[in-house]
Amino acid sequence: MSYVGPDFDPPQPRRPRRSPLTVAVAALVPGALLGWLVYEAVGGSGDGGGASRATVRSSATATSSAPASSPSGDAKNPSSPAPTLASPTSSAPAASGPLKGKVVVIDPGHNPGNFQHAAEINRKVDIGTNLKECDTTGTSTNSGYTEAQFTLDVSHRLKALLEKQGATVVLTHDGNSPAWGPCVDKRAQIGNKAHADAAISIHADGSAAGNRGFHVILPGSVHAGAADTRPIVASSADLGERIAGNFVRVTGEPPSNYVGGGTGLVTRKDLGGLNLSTVPKVFIECGNMRDSKDAALLTSGAWRQKAAQGISEGIVSFLHGS
């Protein structure tokens, strides 16, 4: 995913008075970065653990510096029929476990089939604030490993981890079902219809070389058209903070050095998958596919397992605390 386009909210100056969430930034972000530095010093990170709270927290307003380049976004122009929404792929959870009764929706960003369906994915859909493209192809590493391949792989790993703990897991798409998309509005709709306790959209960014690190995208407060995120802003922020803190701890991947002001957290109002959600939901950009250091991680199966583990532990922490 990237930040190209007029819909991305530019960074705003910090206001002198914020909620306790902002106060937590100053105290907790250094801790997260210190944890990453320790990781770099010892040269590795374990898969275990289970921090109940995130070490990275955000302010209510995103801070960003260099806009990214390359394809992606929540979606990218004209018109054609919507994809047939084959039933979202749902799981067979463990018979028992700490997450029994909980529903998690995982949205693998983009779709490997999107490349063959340009007309379909370019048609505009209503995301509440404006019209936006149904979906995009996503980005890729310089060697050709696509974001859609990455997101499906991590989503499968994450699904397996959550199912072992008893959660019911729904994927918005899987394999060739549907052959393209779904559109961003349908992705949100799947989470809403499942009455998900938590939902996450998995992505990797396509920014310039030298820009690296992960960030979690939180929904801003939107009330326009069919979009009303006001009831889920606080719970989504809680979910995102917990995922960010566990992700940095388990993977060792640093918070983004090009958006988020070092917090690993960004707030956006231009993503249909967030704008149209009625359940707690975030996006995660696990790294930058166009940076050689991040690409080496994103193309490693062992690291992708750590990515899934970090995301899983953040979701588990959120579900236990909610």
Protein backbone atom coordinates (compact mmCIF):
# COMPACT_ATOMS: atom_id res chain seq x y z
CA MET A 1 0.00 0.00 0.00
CA SER A 2 1.16 3.59 -0.43
CA TYR A 3 0.26 7.17 0.40
CA VAL A 4 -0.10 8.55 -3.11
CA GLY A 5 -3.21 10.62 -3.74
CA PRO A 6 -5.19 13.59 -2.44
CA ASP A 7 -7.20 11.53 0.06
CA PHE A 8 -4.30 11.01 2.45
CA ASP A 9 -4.57 13.40 5.37
CA PRO A 10 -1.34 15.42 5.68
CA PRO A 11 0.37 15.61 9.06
CA GLN A 12 -1.21 18.03 11.49
CA PRO A 13 0.57 20.00 14.23
CA ARG A 14 0.19 18.57 17.68
CA ARG A 15 -2.20 20.39 19.95
CA PRO A 16 -1.14 21.28 23.46
CA ARG A 17 -3.85 19.27 25.17
CA ARG A 18 -4.70 15.68 24.31
CA SER A 19 -6.34 12.70 25.89
CA PRO A 20 -4.46 10.25 28.15
CA LEU A 21 -3.74 8.27 24.98
CA THR A 22 -1.42 11.06 23.78
CA VAL A 23 0.25 11.35 27.16
CA ALA A 24 1.04 7.65 26.88
CA VAL A 25 2.95 8.28 23.66
CA ALA A 26 5.80 10.13 25.30
CA ALA A 27 6.18 7.50 27.98
CA LEU A 28 5.80 4.36 25.91
CA VAL A 29 7.28 5.05 22.48
CA PRO A 30 10.85 5.32 23.83
CA GLY A 31 10.29 1.95 25.50
CA ALA A 32 9.30 0.37 22.21
CA LEU A 33 12.27 1.85 20.40
CA LEU A 34 14.59 0.79 23.21
CA GLY A 35 13.20 -2.72 22.84
CA TRP A 36 14.04 -2.64 19.16
CA LEU A 37 17.57 -1.43 19.87
CA VAL A 38 18.04 -4.29 22.31
CA TYR A 39 16.80 -6.64 19.60
CA GLU A 40 19.38 -5.23 17.18
CA ALA A 41 22.10 -5.63 19.78
CA VAL A 42 21.40 -9.28 20.48
CA GLY A 43 20.63 -10.06 16.84
CA GLY A 44 17.32 -11.82 17.20
CA SER A 45 13.86 -12.03 18.67
CA GLY A 46 11.87 -14.83 20.18
CA ASP A 47 8.50 -15.96 18.99
CA GLY A 48 7.13 -16.43 22.45
CA GLY A 49 5.92 -14.06 25.11
CA GLY A 50 2.61 -12.30 25.33
CA ALA A 51 2.65 -8.66 26.31
CA SER A 52 -0.80 -7.70 27.42
CA ARG A 53 -0.35 -4.11 26.32
CA ALA A 54 1.34 -2.40 23.42
CA THR A 55 4.67 -0.70 23.88
CA VAL A 56 3.97 1.63 20.97
CA ARG A 57 1.12 4.08 21.34
CA SER A 58 -0.19 6.88 19.16
CA SER A 59 -1.48 10.38 19.29
CA ALA A 60 -4.89 11.08 17.87
CA THR A 61 -3.30 12.66 14.79
CA ALA A 62 -0.92 10.94 12.41
CA THR A 63 2.49 12.43 11.78
CA SER A 64 4.11 11.78 8.45
CA SER A 65 7.13 12.98 6.58
CA ALA A 66 7.90 11.52 3.16
CA PRO A 67 4.95 10.45 1.03
CA ALA A 68 5.41 6.99 -0.36
CA SER A 69 5.59 6.03 -3.97
CA SER A 70 4.39 3.02 -5.95
CA PRO A 71 1.03 1.33 -6.47
CA SER A 72 -1.44 0.38 -3.82
CA GLY A 73 -3.65 2.25 -1.36
CA ASP A 74 -6.98 1.06 -0.13
CA ALA A 75 -7.76 0.64 -3.76
CA LYS A 76 -6.89 2.46 -7.38
CA ASN A 77 -10.62 4.27 -12.24
CA PRO A 78 -14.33 3.35 -14.58
CA SER A 79 -16.89 0.64 -14.11
CA SER A 80 -17.82 -2.97 -14.28
CA PRO A 81 -19.69 -5.57 -12.25
CA ALA A 82 -18.82 -6.39 -8.66
CA PRO A 83 -17.12 -9.73 -8.00
CA THR A 84 -19.31 -12.60 -6.99
CA LEU A 85 -18.86 -12.73 -3.26
CA ALA A 86 -18.15 -16.36 -2.75
CA SER A 87 -18.66 -17.15 0.90
CA PRO A 88 -15.77 -15.74 2.91
CA THR A 89 -13.43 -18.49 4.06
CA SER A 90 -14.29 -19.41 7.63
CA SER A 91 -12.44 -21.65 10.01
CA ALA A 92 -12.84 -24.73 12.11
CA PRO A 93 -11.68 -23.46 15.50
CA ALA A 94 -10.25 -25.65 18.22
CA ALA A 95 -12.91 -27.30 20.36
CA SER A 96 -11.84 -25.17 23.28
CA GLY A 97 -9.37 -22.43 24.06
CA PRO A 98 -9.11 -18.94 25.53
CA LEU A 99 -10.60 -17.38 22.38
CA LYS A 100 -13.58 -19.73 22.07
CA GLY A 101 -16.61 -17.68 21.05
CA LYS A 102 -14.50 -14.88 19.59
CA VAL A 103 -14.63 -14.03 15.87
CA VAL A 104 -11.64 -12.53 14.05
CA VAL A 105 -11.79 -11.36 10.43
CA ILE A 106 -8.51 -11.31 8.51
CA ASP A 107 -8.40 -9.33 5.28
CA PRO A 108 -5.41 -10.27 3.08
CA GLY A 109 -4.67 -7.04 1.21
CA HIS A 110 -5.28 -7.09 -2.57
CA ASN A 111 -5.64 -10.39 -4.47
CA PRO A 112 -3.20 -12.26 -6.74
CA GLY A 113 -5.92 -12.27 -9.43
CA ASN A 114 -6.28 -8.49 -9.51
CA PHE A 115 -3.60 -8.21 -12.22
CA GLN A 116 -5.95 -9.95 -14.65
CA HIS A 117 -8.99 -7.81 -13.76
CA ALA A 118 -7.97 -4.19 -14.27
CA ALA A 119 -11.41 -3.00 -15.42
CA GLU A 120 -13.15 -4.62 -12.47
CA ILE A 121 -10.82 -3.33 -9.77
CA ASN A 122 -10.71 0.19 -11.25
CA ARG A 123 -14.44 0.82 -10.93
CA LYS A 124 -15.35 3.31 -8.23
CA VAL A 125 -17.11 2.40 -4.99
CA ASP A 126 -18.52 4.64 -2.28
CA ILE A 127 -16.38 4.74 0.89
CA GLY A 128 -18.54 7.31 2.66
CA THR A 129 -16.22 10.29 2.31
CA ASN A 130 -15.81 9.97 -1.47
CA LEU A 131 -15.63 7.48 -4.33
CA LYS A 132 -12.56 5.31 -4.59
CA GLU A 133 -11.28 2.46 -6.73
CA CYS A 134 -12.65 -0.98 -5.88
CA ASP A 135 -9.19 -2.43 -5.22
CA THR A 136 -5.59 -2.31 -6.48
CA THR A 137 -2.93 -4.80 -7.47
CA GLY A 138 -0.67 -3.84 -4.58
CA THR A 139 3.09 -3.45 -4.72
CA SER A 140 5.99 -5.93 -4.91
CA THR A 141 9.65 -6.33 -4.07
CA ASN A 142 12.17 -5.41 -6.75
CA SER A 143 12.62 -9.14 -7.38
CA GLY A 144 8.90 -9.59 -8.08
CA TYR A 145 7.50 -11.06 -4.84
CA THR A 146 4.05 -9.48 -4.75
CA GLU A 147 2.23 -7.90 -1.87
CA ALA A 148 -0.78 -10.11 -2.61
CA GLN A 149 1.38 -13.25 -2.17
CA PHE A 150 2.79 -11.86 1.07
CA THR A 151 -0.57 -10.91 2.55
CA LEU A 152 -2.14 -14.31 1.86
CA ASP A 153 0.83 -16.13 3.35
CA VAL A 154 0.82 -14.08 6.57
CA SER A 155 -2.98 -14.33 6.77
CA HIS A 156 -2.87 -18.14 6.60
CA ARG A 157 -0.22 -18.24 9.33
CA LEU A 158 -2.22 -15.83 11.50
CA LYS A 159 -5.42 -17.81 10.96
CA ALA A 160 -3.74 -21.01 12.14
CA LEU A 161 -2.39 -19.35 15.29
CA LEU A 162 -5.76 -17.87 16.25
CA GLU A 163 -7.66 -21.08 15.52
CA LYS A 164 -5.37 -22.99 17.88
CA GLN A 165 -6.65 -20.72 20.64
CA GLY A 166 -10.28 -21.40 19.80
CA ALA A 167 -11.14 -18.34 17.71
CA THR A 168 -13.43 -18.52 14.71
CA VAL A 169 -11.49 -16.92 11.86
CA VAL A 170 -12.94 -15.55 8.62
CA LEU A 171 -10.80 -14.58 5.61
CA THR A 172 -12.28 -12.00 3.23
CA HIS A 173 -10.85 -14.01 0.32
CA ASP A 174 -8.62 -17.02 -0.18
CA GLY A 175 -6.95 -18.58 -3.19
CA ASN A 176 -9.11 -17.90 -6.21
CA SER A 177 -12.30 -17.21 -4.30
CA PRO A 178 -13.23 -14.67 -5.51
CA ALA A 179 -11.02 -14.38 -8.61
CA TRP A 180 -10.38 -10.68 -7.90
CA GLY A 181 -11.06 -8.24 -5.09
CA PRO A 182 -13.32 -8.15 -3.15
CA CYS A 183 -13.83 -4.40 -3.40
CA VAL A 184 -12.86 -2.43 -0.33
CA ASP A 185 -16.49 -1.80 0.64
CA LYS A 186 -17.23 -5.54 0.52
CA ARG A 187 -14.16 -6.30 2.64
CA ALA A 188 -15.54 -4.05 5.36
CA GLN A 189 -18.98 -5.59 4.93
CA ILE A 190 -17.62 -9.10 5.55
CA GLY A 191 -16.26 -8.05 8.94
CA ASN A 192 -19.48 -6.27 9.82
CA LYS A 193 -21.71 -9.22 8.88
CA ALA A 194 -19.50 -11.59 10.88
CA HIS A 195 -19.91 -9.31 13.94
CA ALA A 196 -16.16 -9.61 14.33
CA ASP A 197 -14.65 -8.97 17.73
CA ALA A 198 -11.54 -7.77 15.87
CA ALA A 199 -10.63 -7.31 12.21
CA ILE A 200 -7.29 -6.66 10.56
CA SER A 201 -6.19 -5.99 6.99
CA ILE A 202 -2.69 -7.28 6.20
CA HIS A 203 -0.47 -5.25 3.87
CA ALA A 204 3.11 -4.34 2.98
CA ASP A 205 4.03 -0.89 1.73
CA GLY A 206 5.59 0.23 -1.55
CA SER A 207 7.54 3.32 -0.55
CA ALA A 208 10.99 4.56 -1.62
CA ALA A 209 14.20 2.68 -0.83
CA GLY A 210 15.55 3.77 2.55
CA ASN A 211 12.05 4.13 3.96
CA ARG A 212 11.58 1.14 6.18
CA GLY A 213 9.73 -0.19 9.19
CA PHE A 214 6.14 -1.19 9.98
CA HIS A 215 3.14 0.89 10.86
CA VAL A 216 -0.41 0.18 11.96
CA ILE A 217 -3.18 2.31 10.44
CA LEU A 218 -6.04 3.35 12.72
CA PRO A 219 -9.40 4.69 11.58
CA GLY A 220 -9.95 8.40 12.04
CA SER A 221 -13.29 9.74 13.19
CA VAL A 222 -15.47 9.80 10.06
CA HIS A 223 -19.18 10.56 9.80
CA ALA A 224 -20.16 10.91 6.14
CA GLY A 225 -22.52 9.00 3.90
CA ALA A 226 -22.47 5.31 4.83
CA ALA A 227 -19.34 5.78 6.94
CA ASP A 228 -19.52 6.30 10.69
CA THR A 229 -16.40 5.21 12.53
CA ARG A 230 -17.15 7.14 15.71
CA PRO A 231 -18.27 4.05 17.67
CA ILE A 232 -15.10 2.11 16.80
CA VAL A 233 -12.33 4.74 16.94
CA ALA A 234 -11.36 4.08 20.56
CA SER A 235 -11.55 0.28 20.38
CA SER A 236 -9.66 0.23 17.07
CA ALA A 237 -6.92 2.39 18.59
CA ASP A 238 -6.65 -0.07 21.48
CA LEU A 239 -6.41 -2.96 19.02
CA GLY A 240 -3.81 -1.16 16.91
CA GLU A 241 -1.64 -0.18 19.87
CA ARG A 242 -1.55 -3.74 21.14
CA ILE A 243 -0.68 -5.11 17.70
CA ALA A 244 2.06 -2.52 17.20
CA GLY A 245 3.66 -3.22 20.57
CA ASN A 246 3.66 -6.98 20.08
CA PHE A 247 4.78 -6.74 16.45
CA VAL A 248 7.91 -4.73 17.28
CA ARG A 249 8.74 -7.06 20.17
CA VAL A 250 8.31 -10.34 18.30
CA THR A 251 9.70 -9.38 14.88
CA GLY A 252 12.31 -6.76 15.75
CA GLU A 253 11.05 -4.70 12.80
CA PRO A 254 11.37 -1.01 13.75
CA PRO A 255 8.48 1.46 13.61
CA SER A 256 8.30 3.27 10.27
CA ASN A 257 10.91 5.97 9.73
CA TYR A 258 8.77 7.81 7.15
CA VAL A 259 5.24 8.00 8.64
CA GLY A 260 3.91 7.99 12.18
CA GLY A 261 6.63 10.05 13.83
CA GLY A 262 8.35 6.94 15.21
CA THR A 263 5.21 5.63 16.93
CA GLY A 264 4.43 2.88 14.42
CA LEU A 265 0.87 4.26 14.33
CA VAL A 266 -0.90 6.39 11.73
CA THR A 267 -4.48 7.63 11.59
CA ARG A 268 -6.24 7.85 8.21
CA LYS A 269 -9.71 8.78 6.96
CA ASP A 270 -9.34 7.77 3.29
CA LEU A 271 -9.46 3.97 3.48
CA GLY A 272 -12.78 2.34 2.68
CA GLY A 273 -11.92 -0.80 4.62
CA LEU A 274 -11.73 1.33 7.78
CA ASN A 275 -14.33 4.02 6.99
CA LEU A 276 -17.09 1.47 6.42
CA SER A 277 -16.25 -0.84 9.32
CA THR A 278 -18.62 -1.14 12.25
CA VAL A 279 -16.27 -3.44 14.20
CA PRO A 280 -12.84 -2.71 15.71
CA LYS A 281 -10.44 -2.77 12.76
CA VAL A 282 -6.93 -1.73 11.74
CA PHE A 283 -4.55 -2.15 8.83
CA ILE A 284 -0.92 -3.15 9.25
CA GLU A 285 1.86 -2.36 6.78
CA CYS A 286 4.41 -4.98 7.84
CA GLY A 287 7.35 -3.33 6.08
CA ASN A 288 8.41 -1.63 2.86
CA MET A 289 8.76 -4.04 -0.06
CA ARG A 290 10.89 -1.58 -2.03
CA ASP A 291 13.59 -1.32 0.65
CA SER A 292 16.25 -4.04 0.44
CA LYS A 293 16.47 -4.59 4.20
CA ASP A 294 12.72 -4.89 4.64
CA ALA A 295 12.38 -6.97 1.47
CA ALA A 296 14.84 -9.52 2.86
CA LEU A 297 12.55 -9.96 5.85
CA LEU A 298 9.26 -9.95 3.96
CA THR A 299 10.49 -12.71 1.62
CA SER A 300 11.62 -14.91 4.53
CA GLY A 301 9.14 -17.58 5.64
CA ALA A 302 10.68 -17.61 9.12
CA TRP A 303 10.18 -13.87 9.48
CA ARG A 304 6.61 -14.05 8.13
CA GLN A 305 5.87 -16.54 10.89
CA LYS A 306 7.16 -14.00 13.41
CA ALA A 307 5.00 -11.34 11.78
CA ALA A 308 1.94 -13.55 12.17
CA GLN A 309 2.92 -14.31 15.76
CA GLY A 310 3.31 -10.64 16.66
CA ILE A 311 -0.05 -9.75 15.12
CA SER A 312 -1.69 -12.73 16.82
CA GLU A 313 -0.39 -11.78 20.24
CA GLY A 314 -1.68 -8.23 19.78
CA ILE A 315 -5.13 -9.51 18.83
CA VAL A 316 -5.19 -11.98 21.73
CA SER A 317 -4.20 -9.21 24.14
CA PHE A 318 -7.01 -7.01 22.80
CA LEU A 319 -9.63 -9.77 22.99
CA HIS A 320 -8.63 -10.64 26.55
CA GLY A 321 -8.85 -7.00 27.57
CA SER A 322 -12.10 -6.15 25.77
